[in-house]
PDB file of all heavy atoms in Angstrom:
ATOM      1  N   ASN A   1       0.865  -1.170  -0.024  1.00  0.00           N
ATOM      2  CA  ASN A   1      -0.028   0.038   0.001  1.00  0.00           C
ATOM      3  C   ASN A   1       0.881   1.237   0.035  1.00  0.00           C
ATOM      4  O   ASN A   1       0.508   2.215  -0.636  1.00  0.00           O
ATOM      5  CB  ASN A   1      -0.967   0.013   1.228  1.00  0.00           C
ATOM      6  CG  ASN A   1      -2.063  -1.065   1.070  1.00  0.00           C
ATOM      7  OD1 ASN A   1      -2.326  -1.488  -0.088  1.00  0.00           O
ATOM      8  ND2 ASN A   1      -2.670  -1.412   2.114  1.00  0.00           N
ATOM      9  N   ARG A   2       1.934   1.228   0.730  1.00  0.00           N
ATOM     10  CA  ARG A   2       2.914   2.358   0.728  1.00  0.00           C
ATOM     11  C   ARG A   2       3.476   2.558  -0.629  1.00  0.00           C
ATOM     12  O   ARG A   2       3.558   3.775  -1.157  1.00  0.00           O
ATOM     13  CB  ARG A   2       4.044   2.175   1.740  1.00  0.00           C
ATOM     14  CG  ARG A   2       3.595   2.180   3.148  1.00  0.00           C
ATOM     15  CD  ARG A   2       4.711   2.475   4.136  1.00  0.00           C
ATOM     16  NE  ARG A   2       5.970   1.767   3.859  1.00  0.00           N
ATOM     17  CZ  ARG A   2       6.265   0.537   4.261  1.00  0.00           C
ATOM     18  NH1 ARG A   2       5.280  -0.138   4.921  1.00  0.00           N
ATOM     19  NH2 ARG A   2       7.406  -0.017   3.995  1.00  0.00           N
ATOM     20  N   TRP A   3       3.818   1.460  -1.332  1.00  0.00           N
ATOM     21  CA  TRP A   3       4.348   1.632  -2.677  1.00  0.00           C
ATOM     22  C   TRP A   3       3.250   2.156  -3.649  1.00  0.00           C
ATOM     23  O   TRP A   3       3.476   3.072  -4.435  1.00  0.00           O
ATOM     24  CB  TRP A   3       4.800   0.295  -3.186  1.00  0.00           C
ATOM     25  CG  TRP A   3       5.092   0.290  -4.697  1.00  0.00           C
ATOM     26  CD1 TRP A   3       6.216   0.763  -5.312  1.00  0.00           C
ATOM     27  CD2 TRP A   3       4.207  -0.084  -5.756  1.00  0.00           C
ATOM     28  NE1 TRP A   3       6.141   0.630  -6.706  1.00  0.00           N
ATOM     29  CE2 TRP A   3       4.837   0.116  -6.947  1.00  0.00           C
ATOM     30  CE3 TRP A   3       2.895  -0.653  -5.736  1.00  0.00           C
ATOM     31  CZ2 TRP A   3       4.307  -0.162  -8.182  1.00  0.00           C
ATOM     32  CZ3 TRP A   3       2.361  -0.886  -7.002  1.00  0.00           C
ATOM     33  CH2 TRP A   3       3.034  -0.708  -8.199  1.00  0.00           C
ATOM     34  N   TYR A   4       2.052   1.664  -3.532  1.00  0.00           N
ATOM     35  CA  TYR A   4       0.939   2.138  -4.379  1.00  0.00           C
ATOM     36  C   TYR A   4       0.642   3.590  -4.177  1.00  0.00           C
ATOM     37  O   TYR A   4       0.508   4.349  -5.100  1.00  0.00           O
ATOM     38  CB  TYR A   4      -0.301   1.245  -4.139  1.00  0.00           C
ATOM     39  CG  TYR A   4      -1.450   1.578  -4.961  1.00  0.00           C
ATOM     40  CD1 TYR A   4      -1.589   1.062  -6.231  1.00  0.00           C
ATOM     41  CD2 TYR A   4      -2.451   2.478  -4.527  1.00  0.00           C
ATOM     42  CE1 TYR A   4      -2.657   1.289  -7.043  1.00  0.00           C
ATOM     43  CE2 TYR A   4      -3.550   2.745  -5.387  1.00  0.00           C
ATOM     44  CZ  TYR A   4      -3.579   2.213  -6.579  1.00  0.00           C
ATOM     45  OH  TYR A   4      -4.673   2.514  -7.401  1.00  0.00           O
ATOM     46  N   ASP A   5       0.610   4.015  -2.933  1.00  0.00           N
ATOM     47  CA  ASP A   5       0.282   5.424  -2.602  1.00  0.00           C
ATOM     48  C   ASP A   5       1.453   6.364  -3.065  1.00  0.00           C
ATOM     49  O   ASP A   5       1.170   7.527  -3.445  1.00  0.00           O
ATOM     50  CB  ASP A   5       0.075   5.607  -1.123  1.00  0.00           C
ATOM     51  CG  ASP A   5      -1.192   4.928  -0.612  1.00  0.00           C
ATOM     52  OD1 ASP A   5      -2.060   4.678  -1.490  1.00  0.00           O
ATOM     53  OD2 ASP A   5      -1.311   4.611   0.618  1.00  0.00           O
ATOM     54  N   LYS A   6       2.663   5.842  -3.022  1.00  0.00           N
ATOM     55  CA  LYS A   6       3.783   6.631  -3.449  1.00  0.00           C
ATOM     56  C   LYS A   6       3.801   6.968  -5.005  1.00  0.00           C
ATOM     57  O   LYS A   6       4.233   7.972  -5.425  1.00  0.00           O
ATOM     58  CB  LYS A   6       5.096   5.944  -3.145  1.00  0.00           C
ATOM     59  CG  LYS A   6       6.332   6.746  -3.304  1.00  0.00           C
ATOM     60  CD  LYS A   6       7.598   5.905  -2.841  1.00  0.00           C
ATOM     61  CE  LYS A   6       8.857   6.657  -2.944  1.00  0.00           C
ATOM     62  NZ  LYS A   6      10.047   5.803  -2.557  1.00  0.00           N
ATOM     63  N   LYS A   7       3.164   5.991  -5.777  1.00  0.00           N
ATOM     64  CA  LYS A   7       3.019   6.259  -7.178  1.00  0.00           C
ATOM     65  C   LYS A   7       4.399   6.489  -7.941  1.00  0.00           C
ATOM     66  O   LYS A   7       4.408   7.249  -8.917  1.00  0.00           O
ATOM     67  CB  LYS A   7       2.012   7.313  -7.533  1.00  0.00           C
ATOM     68  CG  LYS A   7       0.627   7.071  -7.071  1.00  0.00           C
ATOM     69  CD  LYS A   7      -0.326   8.193  -7.450  1.00  0.00           C
ATOM     70  CE  LYS A   7      -1.752   7.755  -7.243  1.00  0.00           C
ATOM     71  NZ  LYS A   7      -2.042   7.318  -5.876  1.00  0.00           N
ATOM     72  N   GLU A   8       5.328   5.785  -7.535  1.00  0.00           N
ATOM     73  CA  GLU A   8       6.679   5.816  -8.211  1.00  0.00           C
ATOM     74  C   GLU A   8       7.459   4.615  -7.814  1.00  0.00           C
ATOM     75  O   GLU A   8       7.294   3.995  -6.734  1.00  0.00           O
ATOM     76  CB  GLU A   8       7.435   7.150  -7.886  1.00  0.00           C
ATOM     77  CG  GLU A   8       7.895   7.253  -6.380  1.00  0.00           C
ATOM     78  CD  GLU A   8       8.699   8.547  -6.192  1.00  0.00           C
ATOM     79  OE1 GLU A   8       8.787   9.404  -7.112  1.00  0.00           O
ATOM     80  OE2 GLU A   8       9.274   8.666  -5.163  1.00  0.00           O
ATOM     81  N   GLY A   9       8.403   4.261  -8.674  1.00  0.00           N
ATOM     82  CA  GLY A   9       9.244   3.140  -8.377  1.00  0.00           C
ATOM     83  C   GLY A   9       8.646   1.822  -8.801  1.00  0.00           C
ATOM     84  O   GLY A   9       7.523   1.704  -9.079  1.00  0.00           O
ATOM     85  N   THR A  10       9.545   0.802  -8.958  1.00  0.00           N
ATOM     86  CA  THR A  10       9.151  -0.550  -9.342  1.00  0.00           C
ATOM     87  C   THR A  10       9.157  -1.462  -8.141  1.00  0.00           C
ATOM     88  O   THR A  10      10.049  -1.470  -7.306  1.00  0.00           O
ATOM     89  CB  THR A  10      10.140  -1.080 -10.329  1.00  0.00           C
ATOM     90  OG1 THR A  10      10.199  -0.216 -11.484  1.00  0.00           O
ATOM     91  CG2 THR A  10       9.748  -2.475 -10.859  1.00  0.00           C
ATOM     92  N   LEU A  11       8.113  -2.313  -8.016  1.00  0.00           N
ATOM     93  CA  LEU A  11       7.954  -3.286  -6.942  1.00  0.00           C
ATOM     94  C   LEU A  11       7.846  -4.650  -7.555  1.00  0.00           C
ATOM     95  O   LEU A  11       7.113  -4.911  -8.550  1.00  0.00           O
ATOM     96  CB  LEU A  11       6.674  -3.001  -6.156  1.00  0.00           C
ATOM     97  CG  LEU A  11       6.363  -4.087  -5.070  1.00  0.00           C
ATOM     98  CD1 LEU A  11       7.467  -4.175  -4.035  1.00  0.00           C
ATOM     99  CD2 LEU A  11       4.995  -3.665  -4.416  1.00  0.00           C
ATOM    100  N   ILE A  12       8.812  -5.622  -7.181  1.00  0.00           N
ATOM    101  CA  ILE A  12       8.782  -6.960  -7.669  1.00  0.00           C
ATOM    102  C   ILE A  12       8.675  -7.921  -6.444  1.00  0.00           C
ATOM    103  O   ILE A  12       9.421  -7.785  -5.489  1.00  0.00           O
ATOM    104  CB  ILE A  12      10.122  -7.273  -8.449  1.00  0.00           C
ATOM    105  CG1 ILE A  12      10.248  -6.270  -9.596  1.00  0.00           C
ATOM    106  CG2 ILE A  12      10.097  -8.693  -8.886  1.00  0.00           C
ATOM    107  CD1 ILE A  12      11.587  -6.410 -10.305  1.00  0.00           C
ATOM    108  N   MET A  13       7.729  -8.800  -6.539  1.00  0.00           N
ATOM    109  CA  MET A  13       7.613  -9.886  -5.524  1.00  0.00           C
ATOM    110  C   MET A  13       7.618 -11.242  -6.193  1.00  0.00           C
ATOM    111  O   MET A  13       7.300 -11.330  -7.423  1.00  0.00           O
ATOM    112  CB  MET A  13       6.243  -9.744  -4.786  1.00  0.00           C
ATOM    113  CG  MET A  13       6.119  -8.463  -4.054  1.00  0.00           C
ATOM    114  SD  MET A  13       4.627  -8.535  -3.001  1.00  0.00           S
ATOM    115  CE  MET A  13       4.513  -6.835  -2.400  1.00  0.00           C
ATOM    116  N   SER A  14       8.046 -12.261  -5.452  1.00  0.00           N
ATOM    117  CA  SER A  14       8.056 -13.556  -6.009  1.00  0.00           C
ATOM    118  C   SER A  14       7.467 -14.600  -5.081  1.00  0.00           C
ATOM    119  O   SER A  14       7.443 -14.365  -3.906  1.00  0.00           O
ATOM    120  CB  SER A  14       9.424 -14.017  -6.432  1.00  0.00           C
ATOM    121  OG  SER A  14      10.146 -14.458  -5.269  1.00  0.00           O
ATOM    122  N   GLY A  15       6.959 -15.711  -5.636  1.00  0.00           N
ATOM    123  CA  GLY A  15       6.522 -16.795  -4.780  1.00  0.00           C
ATOM    124  C   GLY A  15       6.632 -18.119  -5.610  1.00  0.00           C
ATOM    125  O   GLY A  15       6.976 -18.083  -6.776  1.00  0.00           O
ATOM    126  N   SER A  16       6.338 -19.229  -5.009  1.00  0.00           N
ATOM    127  CA  SER A  16       6.527 -20.509  -5.667  1.00  0.00           C
ATOM    128  C   SER A  16       5.276 -20.993  -6.392  1.00  0.00           C
ATOM    129  O   SER A  16       5.314 -21.968  -7.130  1.00  0.00           O
ATOM    130  CB  SER A  16       6.903 -21.599  -4.612  1.00  0.00           C
ATOM    131  OG  SER A  16       5.922 -21.691  -3.595  1.00  0.00           O
ATOM    132  N   SER A  17       4.149 -20.244  -6.222  1.00  0.00           N
ATOM    133  CA  SER A  17       2.991 -20.632  -7.014  1.00  0.00           C
ATOM    134  C   SER A  17       2.178 -19.353  -7.369  1.00  0.00           C
ATOM    135  O   SER A  17       2.570 -18.235  -6.983  1.00  0.00           O
ATOM    136  CB  SER A  17       2.068 -21.506  -6.150  1.00  0.00           C
ATOM    137  OG  SER A  17       1.654 -20.856  -4.932  1.00  0.00           O
ATOM    138  N   SER A  18       1.214 -19.524  -8.175  1.00  0.00           N
ATOM    139  CA  SER A  18       0.489 -18.319  -8.665  1.00  0.00           C
ATOM    140  C   SER A  18      -0.225 -17.661  -7.505  1.00  0.00           C
ATOM    141  O   SER A  18      -0.558 -18.185  -6.515  1.00  0.00           O
ATOM    142  CB  SER A  18      -0.614 -18.757  -9.726  1.00  0.00           C
ATOM    143  OG  SER A  18      -1.542 -19.696  -9.159  1.00  0.00           O
ATOM    144  N   PHE A  19      -0.491 -16.338  -7.745  1.00  0.00           N
ATOM    145  CA  PHE A  19      -0.959 -15.476  -6.639  1.00  0.00           C
ATOM    146  C   PHE A  19      -2.369 -16.000  -6.029  1.00  0.00           C
ATOM    147  O   PHE A  19      -2.596 -15.821  -4.884  1.00  0.00           O
ATOM    148  CB  PHE A  19      -1.184 -14.033  -7.104  1.00  0.00           C
ATOM    149  CG  PHE A  19      -2.140 -13.909  -8.348  1.00  0.00           C
ATOM    150  CD1 PHE A  19      -3.477 -13.904  -8.192  1.00  0.00           C
ATOM    151  CD2 PHE A  19      -1.561 -13.804  -9.626  1.00  0.00           C
ATOM    152  CE1 PHE A  19      -4.352 -13.757  -9.253  1.00  0.00           C
ATOM    153  CE2 PHE A  19      -2.453 -13.658 -10.730  1.00  0.00           C
ATOM    154  CZ  PHE A  19      -3.819 -13.675 -10.495  1.00  0.00           C
ATOM    155  N   ASP A  20      -3.146 -16.662  -6.849  1.00  0.00           N
ATOM    156  CA  ASP A  20      -4.519 -17.045  -6.344  1.00  0.00           C
ATOM    157  C   ASP A  20      -4.466 -18.333  -5.480  1.00  0.00           C
ATOM    158  O   ASP A  20      -5.443 -18.671  -4.933  1.00  0.00           O
ATOM    159  CB  ASP A  20      -5.478 -17.231  -7.570  1.00  0.00           C
ATOM    160  CG  ASP A  20      -4.887 -18.173  -8.524  1.00  0.00           C
ATOM    161  OD1 ASP A  20      -3.695 -18.243  -8.823  1.00  0.00           O
ATOM    162  OD2 ASP A  20      -5.735 -18.970  -9.182  1.00  0.00           O
ATOM    163  N   THR A  21      -3.300 -19.017  -5.516  1.00  0.00           N
ATOM    164  CA  THR A  21      -3.193 -20.279  -4.747  1.00  0.00           C
ATOM    165  C   THR A  21      -2.440 -20.189  -3.437  1.00  0.00           C
ATOM    166  O   THR A  21      -2.329 -21.117  -2.690  1.00  0.00           O
ATOM    167  CB  THR A  21      -2.561 -21.385  -5.622  1.00  0.00           C
ATOM    168  OG1 THR A  21      -1.192 -20.944  -5.933  1.00  0.00           O
ATOM    169  CG2 THR A  21      -3.277 -21.630  -6.904  1.00  0.00           C
ATOM    170  N   ILE A  22      -1.899 -19.016  -3.155  1.00  0.00           N
ATOM    171  CA  ILE A  22      -1.159 -18.806  -1.901  1.00  0.00           C
ATOM    172  C   ILE A  22      -2.233 -18.686  -0.772  1.00  0.00           C
ATOM    173  O   ILE A  22      -3.017 -17.744  -0.783  1.00  0.00           O
ATOM    174  CB  ILE A  22      -0.199 -17.571  -1.973  1.00  0.00           C
ATOM    175  CG1 ILE A  22       0.725 -17.748  -3.130  1.00  0.00           C
ATOM    176  CG2 ILE A  22       0.471 -17.474  -0.622  1.00  0.00           C
ATOM    177  CD1 ILE A  22       1.651 -16.495  -3.296  1.00  0.00           C
ATOM    178  N   PRO A  23      -2.121 -19.491   0.282  1.00  0.00           N
ATOM    179  CA  PRO A  23      -3.159 -19.488   1.308  1.00  0.00           C
ATOM    180  C   PRO A  23      -2.941 -18.418   2.501  1.00  0.00           C
ATOM    181  O   PRO A  23      -2.866 -18.745   3.646  1.00  0.00           O
ATOM    182  CB  PRO A  23      -3.076 -20.913   1.881  1.00  0.00           C
ATOM    183  CG  PRO A  23      -1.703 -21.317   1.754  1.00  0.00           C
ATOM    184  CD  PRO A  23      -1.190 -20.655   0.439  1.00  0.00           C
ATOM    185  N   PHE A  24      -2.830 -17.175   2.038  1.00  0.00           N
ATOM    186  CA  PHE A  24      -2.689 -16.081   3.027  1.00  0.00           C
ATOM    187  C   PHE A  24      -3.917 -16.072   3.930  1.00  0.00           C
ATOM    188  O   PHE A  24      -5.070 -16.279   3.548  1.00  0.00           O
ATOM    189  CB  PHE A  24      -2.571 -14.734   2.379  1.00  0.00           C
ATOM    190  CG  PHE A  24      -1.248 -14.517   1.668  1.00  0.00           C
ATOM    191  CD1 PHE A  24      -1.190 -14.245   0.287  1.00  0.00           C
ATOM    192  CD2 PHE A  24      -0.049 -14.492   2.475  1.00  0.00           C
ATOM    193  CE1 PHE A  24       0.005 -14.029  -0.278  1.00  0.00           C
ATOM    194  CE2 PHE A  24       1.201 -14.279   1.785  1.00  0.00           C
ATOM    195  CZ  PHE A  24       1.198 -14.005   0.431  1.00  0.00           C
ATOM    196  N   ASN A  25      -3.705 -15.783   5.172  1.00  0.00           N
ATOM    197  CA  ASN A  25      -4.833 -15.500   6.033  1.00  0.00           C
ATOM    198  C   ASN A  25      -5.571 -14.183   5.610  1.00  0.00           C
ATOM    199  O   ASN A  25      -6.740 -14.052   5.703  1.00  0.00           O
ATOM    200  CB  ASN A  25      -4.410 -15.377   7.481  1.00  0.00           C
ATOM    201  CG  ASN A  25      -3.925 -16.653   8.118  1.00  0.00           C
ATOM    202  OD1 ASN A  25      -4.388 -17.754   7.615  1.00  0.00           O
ATOM    203  ND2 ASN A  25      -3.059 -16.594   9.129  1.00  0.00           N
ATOM    204  N   LYS A  26      -4.735 -13.207   5.260  1.00  0.00           N
ATOM    205  CA  LYS A  26      -5.234 -11.926   4.824  1.00  0.00           C
ATOM    206  C   LYS A  26      -5.446 -12.049   3.274  1.00  0.00           C
ATOM    207  O   LYS A  26      -4.553 -11.814   2.434  1.00  0.00           O
ATOM    208  CB  LYS A  26      -4.269 -10.797   5.166  1.00  0.00           C
ATOM    209  CG  LYS A  26      -4.841  -9.415   4.976  1.00  0.00           C
ATOM    210  CD  LYS A  26      -3.826  -8.392   5.528  1.00  0.00           C
ATOM    211  CE  LYS A  26      -4.457  -6.962   5.504  1.00  0.00           C
ATOM    212  NZ  LYS A  26      -5.788  -6.877   6.190  1.00  0.00           N
ATOM    213  N   ARG A  27      -6.702 -12.370   2.873  1.00  0.00           N
ATOM    214  CA  ARG A  27      -6.957 -12.623   1.510  1.00  0.00           C
ATOM    215  C   ARG A  27      -6.763 -11.430   0.596  1.00  0.00           C
ATOM    216  O   ARG A  27      -6.568 -11.607  -0.628  1.00  0.00           O
ATOM    217  CB  ARG A  27      -8.360 -13.184   1.343  1.00  0.00           C
ATOM    218  CG  ARG A  27      -8.612 -14.518   2.012  1.00  0.00           C
ATOM    219  CD  ARG A  27      -7.625 -15.630   1.668  1.00  0.00           C
ATOM    220  NE  ARG A  27      -7.816 -16.089   0.293  1.00  0.00           N
ATOM    221  CZ  ARG A  27      -7.040 -16.936  -0.340  1.00  0.00           C
ATOM    222  NH1 ARG A  27      -5.978 -17.503   0.292  1.00  0.00           N
ATOM    223  NH2 ARG A  27      -7.319 -17.322  -1.573  1.00  0.00           N
ATOM    224  N   ASP A  28      -6.801 -10.281   1.161  1.00  0.00           N
ATOM    225  CA  ASP A  28      -6.547  -9.031   0.366  1.00  0.00           C
ATOM    226  C   ASP A  28      -5.175  -9.066  -0.245  1.00  0.00           C
ATOM    227  O   ASP A  28      -4.933  -8.371  -1.237  1.00  0.00           O
ATOM    228  CB  ASP A  28      -6.695  -7.800   1.194  1.00  0.00           C
ATOM    229  CG  ASP A  28      -8.102  -7.436   1.502  1.00  0.00           C
ATOM    230  OD1 ASP A  28      -9.046  -8.000   0.785  1.00  0.00           O
ATOM    231  OD2 ASP A  28      -8.426  -6.599   2.426  1.00  0.00           O
ATOM    232  N   LEU A  29      -4.250  -9.804   0.345  1.00  0.00           N
ATOM    233  CA  LEU A  29      -2.918  -9.931  -0.284  1.00  0.00           C
ATOM    234  C   LEU A  29      -3.012 -10.624  -1.644  1.00  0.00           C
ATOM    235  O   LEU A  29      -2.260 -10.245  -2.545  1.00  0.00           O
ATOM    236  CB  LEU A  29      -1.980 -10.724   0.681  1.00  0.00           C
ATOM    237  CG  LEU A  29      -1.257  -9.908   1.780  1.00  0.00           C
ATOM    238  CD1 LEU A  29      -0.611 -10.850   2.723  1.00  0.00           C
ATOM    239  CD2 LEU A  29      -0.349  -8.885   1.170  1.00  0.00           C
ATOM    240  N   ASN A  30      -3.828 -11.597  -1.784  1.00  0.00           N
ATOM    241  CA  ASN A  30      -3.955 -12.252  -3.103  1.00  0.00           C
ATOM    242  C   ASN A  30      -4.407 -11.329  -4.128  1.00  0.00           C
ATOM    243  O   ASN A  30      -4.025 -11.293  -5.289  1.00  0.00           O
ATOM    244  CB  ASN A  30      -4.888 -13.436  -2.951  1.00  0.00           C
ATOM    245  CG  ASN A  30      -4.431 -14.451  -2.027  1.00  0.00           C
ATOM    246  OD1 ASN A  30      -4.761 -14.362  -0.781  1.00  0.00           O
ATOM    247  ND2 ASN A  30      -3.766 -15.530  -2.423  1.00  0.00           N
ATOM    248  N   THR A  31      -5.320 -10.421  -3.721  1.00  0.00           N
ATOM    249  CA  THR A  31      -5.822  -9.343  -4.641  1.00  0.00           C
ATOM    250  C   THR A  31      -4.682  -8.453  -4.995  1.00  0.00           C
ATOM    251  O   THR A  31      -4.554  -8.049  -6.245  1.00  0.00           O
ATOM    252  CB  THR A  31      -7.013  -8.591  -3.944  1.00  0.00           C
ATOM    253  OG1 THR A  31      -8.026  -9.449  -3.599  1.00  0.00           O
ATOM    254  CG2 THR A  31      -7.573  -7.581  -4.954  1.00  0.00           C
ATOM    255  N   ARG A  32      -3.901  -8.046  -4.046  1.00  0.00           N
ATOM    256  CA  ARG A  32      -2.762  -7.073  -4.365  1.00  0.00           C
ATOM    257  C   ARG A  32      -1.802  -7.784  -5.330  1.00  0.00           C
ATOM    258  O   ARG A  32      -1.305  -7.141  -6.308  1.00  0.00           O
ATOM    259  CB  ARG A  32      -2.014  -6.754  -3.092  1.00  0.00           C
ATOM    260  CG  ARG A  32      -2.874  -5.929  -2.059  1.00  0.00           C
ATOM    261  CD  ARG A  32      -3.301  -4.612  -2.644  1.00  0.00           C
ATOM    262  NE  ARG A  32      -3.931  -3.715  -1.677  1.00  0.00           N
ATOM    263  CZ  ARG A  32      -5.252  -3.774  -1.384  1.00  0.00           C
ATOM    264  NH1 ARG A  32      -6.048  -4.602  -2.008  1.00  0.00           N
ATOM    265  NH2 ARG A  32      -5.747  -2.850  -0.414  1.00  0.00           N
ATOM    266  N   LEU A  33      -1.502  -9.083  -5.136  1.00  0.00           N
ATOM    267  CA  LEU A  33      -0.527  -9.753  -6.028  1.00  0.00           C
ATOM    268  C   LEU A  33      -1.024  -9.935  -7.420  1.00  0.00           C
ATOM    269  O   LEU A  33      -0.262 -10.085  -8.353  1.00  0.00           O
ATOM    270  CB  LEU A  33      -0.191 -11.106  -5.362  1.00  0.00           C
ATOM    271  CG  LEU A  33       0.527 -11.184  -4.073  1.00  0.00           C
ATOM    272  CD1 LEU A  33       0.898 -12.624  -3.702  1.00  0.00           C
ATOM    273  CD2 LEU A  33       1.803 -10.288  -4.043  1.00  0.00           C
ATOM    274  N   SER A  34      -2.347  -9.861  -7.603  1.00  0.00           N
ATOM    275  CA  SER A  34      -2.926  -9.992  -8.837  1.00  0.00           C
ATOM    276  C   SER A  34      -3.014  -8.704  -9.710  1.00  0.00           C
ATOM    277  O   SER A  34      -3.443  -8.665 -10.815  1.00  0.00           O
ATOM    278  CB  SER A  34      -4.361 -10.504  -8.775  1.00  0.00           C
ATOM    279  OG  SER A  34      -5.268  -9.586  -8.225  1.00  0.00           O
ATOM    280  N   SER A  35      -2.594  -7.621  -9.010  1.00  0.00           N
ATOM    281  CA  SER A  35      -2.865  -6.322  -9.632  1.00  0.00           C
ATOM    282  C   SER A  35      -1.842  -5.827 -10.622  1.00  0.00           C
ATOM    283  O   SER A  35      -2.011  -4.761 -11.256  1.00  0.00           O
ATOM    284  CB  SER A  35      -2.887  -5.223  -8.480  1.00  0.00           C
ATOM    285  OG  SER A  35      -1.644  -5.157  -7.822  1.00  0.00           O
ATOM    286  N   GLY A  36      -0.803  -6.529 -10.751  1.00  0.00           N
ATOM    287  CA  GLY A  36       0.282  -6.055 -11.734  1.00  0.00           C
ATOM    288  C   GLY A  36       0.530  -7.048 -12.857  1.00  0.00           C
ATOM    289  O   GLY A  36      -0.408  -7.779 -13.327  1.00  0.00           O
ATOM    290  N   VAL A  37       1.770  -7.119 -13.275  1.00  0.00           N
ATOM    291  CA  VAL A  37       2.161  -8.042 -14.346  1.00  0.00           C
ATOM    292  C   VAL A  37       2.684  -9.335 -13.734  1.00  0.00           C
ATOM    293  O   VAL A  37       3.554  -9.276 -12.905  1.00  0.00           O
ATOM    294  CB  VAL A  37       3.271  -7.375 -15.219  1.00  0.00           C
ATOM    295  CG1 VAL A  37       3.699  -8.327 -16.285  1.00  0.00           C
ATOM    296  CG2 VAL A  37       2.809  -6.050 -15.769  1.00  0.00           C
ATOM    297  N   THR A  38       2.068 -10.384 -14.201  1.00  0.00           N
ATOM    298  CA  THR A  38       2.481 -11.735 -13.689  1.00  0.00           C
ATOM    299  C   THR A  38       3.438 -12.396 -14.628  1.00  0.00           C
ATOM    300  O   THR A  38       3.179 -12.474 -15.836  1.00  0.00           O
ATOM    301  CB  THR A  38       1.244 -12.671 -13.508  1.00  0.00           C
ATOM    302  OG1 THR A  38       0.337 -12.081 -12.515  1.00  0.00           O
ATOM    303  CG2 THR A  38       1.645 -14.003 -12.978  1.00  0.00           C
ATOM    304  N   CYS A  39       4.562 -12.901 -14.106  1.00  0.00           N
ATOM    305  CA  CYS A  39       5.641 -13.552 -14.908  1.00  0.00           C
ATOM    306  C   CYS A  39       5.802 -14.960 -14.320  1.00  0.00           C
ATOM    307  O   CYS A  39       6.226 -15.143 -13.216  1.00  0.00           O
ATOM    308  CB  CYS A  39       6.921 -12.810 -14.783  1.00  0.00           C
ATOM    309  SG  CYS A  39       6.876 -11.062 -15.268  1.00  0.00           S
ATOM    310  N   GLN A  40       5.468 -15.990 -15.195  1.00  0.00           N
ATOM    311  CA  GLN A  40       5.632 -17.363 -14.758  1.00  0.00           C
ATOM    312  C   GLN A  40       6.903 -17.931 -15.386  1.00  0.00           C
ATOM    313  O   GLN A  40       7.143 -17.811 -16.568  1.00  0.00           O
ATOM    314  CB  GLN A  40       4.431 -18.239 -15.230  1.00  0.00           C
ATOM    315  CG  GLN A  40       4.624 -19.698 -14.864  1.00  0.00           C
ATOM    316  CD  GLN A  40       3.441 -20.530 -15.250  1.00  0.00           C
ATOM    317  OE1 GLN A  40       2.458 -20.048 -15.844  1.00  0.00           O
ATOM    318  NE2 GLN A  40       3.477 -21.861 -14.866  1.00  0.00           N
ATOM    319  N   LEU A  41       7.762 -18.459 -14.470  1.00  0.00           N
ATOM    320  CA  LEU A  41       9.034 -19.041 -14.965  1.00  0.00           C
ATOM    321  C   LEU A  41       8.860 -20.560 -15.171  1.00  0.00           C
ATOM    322  O   LEU A  41       8.131 -21.251 -14.485  1.00  0.00           O
ATOM    323  CB  LEU A  41      10.136 -18.861 -13.847  1.00  0.00           C
ATOM    324  CG  LEU A  41      10.468 -17.354 -13.484  1.00  0.00           C
ATOM    325  CD1 LEU A  41      11.644 -17.358 -12.525  1.00  0.00           C
ATOM    326  CD2 LEU A  41      10.807 -16.547 -14.771  1.00  0.00           C
ATOM    327  N   ASN A  42       9.544 -20.976 -16.208  1.00  0.00           N
ATOM    328  CA  ASN A  42       9.513 -22.424 -16.525  1.00  0.00           C
ATOM    329  C   ASN A  42      10.892 -23.029 -16.435  1.00  0.00           C
ATOM    330  O   ASN A  42      11.896 -22.339 -16.492  1.00  0.00           O
ATOM    331  CB  ASN A  42       8.992 -22.593 -17.983  1.00  0.00           C
ATOM    332  CG  ASN A  42       7.531 -22.118 -18.119  1.00  0.00           C
ATOM    333  OD1 ASN A  42       6.632 -22.637 -17.515  1.00  0.00           O
ATOM    334  ND2 ASN A  42       7.368 -21.075 -18.968  1.00  0.00           N
ATOM    335  N   TYR A  43      10.959 -24.359 -16.291  1.00  0.00           N
ATOM    336  CA  TYR A  43      12.198 -25.041 -16.176  1.00  0.00           C
ATOM    337  C   TYR A  43      13.081 -24.904 -17.421  1.00  0.00           C
ATOM    338  O   TYR A  43      12.486 -24.827 -18.575  1.00  0.00           O
ATOM    339  CB  TYR A  43      12.006 -26.538 -15.896  1.00  0.00           C
ATOM    340  CG  TYR A  43      11.617 -26.897 -14.477  1.00  0.00           C
ATOM    341  CD1 TYR A  43      10.420 -27.450 -14.173  1.00  0.00           C
ATOM    342  CD2 TYR A  43      12.544 -26.598 -13.384  1.00  0.00           C
ATOM    343  CE1 TYR A  43      10.063 -27.778 -12.872  1.00  0.00           C
ATOM    344  CE2 TYR A  43      12.134 -26.948 -12.116  1.00  0.00           C
ATOM    345  CZ  TYR A  43      10.920 -27.554 -11.865  1.00  0.00           C
ATOM    346  OH  TYR A  43      10.512 -27.856 -10.592  1.00  0.00           O
ATOM    347  N   LEU A  44      14.358 -24.870 -17.280  1.00  0.00           N
ATOM    348  CA  LEU A  44      15.255 -24.926 -18.448  1.00  0.00           C
ATOM    349  C   LEU A  44      15.207 -26.251 -19.040  1.00  0.00           C
ATOM    350  O   LEU A  44      14.945 -27.300 -18.327  1.00  0.00           O
ATOM    351  CB  LEU A  44      16.648 -24.624 -17.995  1.00  0.00           C
ATOM    352  CG  LEU A  44      16.974 -23.217 -17.373  1.00  0.00           C
ATOM    353  CD1 LEU A  44      18.377 -23.112 -16.996  1.00  0.00           C
ATOM    354  CD2 LEU A  44      16.531 -22.112 -18.287  1.00  0.00           C
ATOM    355  N   ASN A  45      15.509 -26.475 -20.362  1.00  0.00           N
ATOM    356  CA  ASN A  45      15.602 -27.781 -20.867  1.00  0.00           C
ATOM    357  C   ASN A  45      16.958 -28.393 -20.478  1.00  0.00           C
ATOM    358  O   ASN A  45      17.850 -27.694 -19.827  1.00  0.00           O
ATOM    359  CB  ASN A  45      15.373 -27.753 -22.345  1.00  0.00           C
ATOM    360  CG  ASN A  45      16.451 -26.979 -23.202  1.00  0.00           C
ATOM    361  OD1 ASN A  45      17.597 -26.838 -22.704  1.00  0.00           O
ATOM    362  ND2 ASN A  45      16.056 -26.440 -24.332  1.00  0.00           N
TER     363      ASN A  45
END
């Protein structure tokens, strides 16, 4: 929220699964994680 209100700079977060499957107690966090650009990484060959 501080980053959002500041309206400047880049914020990058990572997790081991998609934002909608992380079992946060605070479900608003899942909504926040869905608000930007999602990048899924795949295994190298």
